[in-house]
Amino acid sequence: MVAQDNEYMTSAVKSMYRSNEDHNVIKIAREREEFLRSQAYKNRKLASQTEENASLSNEIVSLTNENASLSSENASLSNENISLAEEISRLRRLLEDNGIRTDS
């Protein structure tokens, strides 16, 4: 081949190879830097989402406890409402038994 027989051509080919090799090394280094930046971003995002998830989980627990408390209070008030309705009914019968009219 021509490059093998001519030292100038051989030198030029070696120089071009080194130049391309440098570009490849630079390209690989850039790709690695981009990968590391991407990984760092993903790790920060994951940490942020994990923290938000924990916060939301705590909020769910809090709201679940509040819901249970309100349900218990609702049941208590419903029982009180039934008792009061029974008391009103008893008092109306008592009034009627004693000849006192109720208009409701």
Foldseek 3Di string as FASTA:
>chain_A
DVLVVDVVSVVVVVVVVVVVVVVVVVVVVVVVVVVVVVVVVVVVVVVVVVVVVVVVVVVVVVVVVVVVVVVVVVVVVVVVVVVVVVVVVVVQVVCVVVVHDDDD
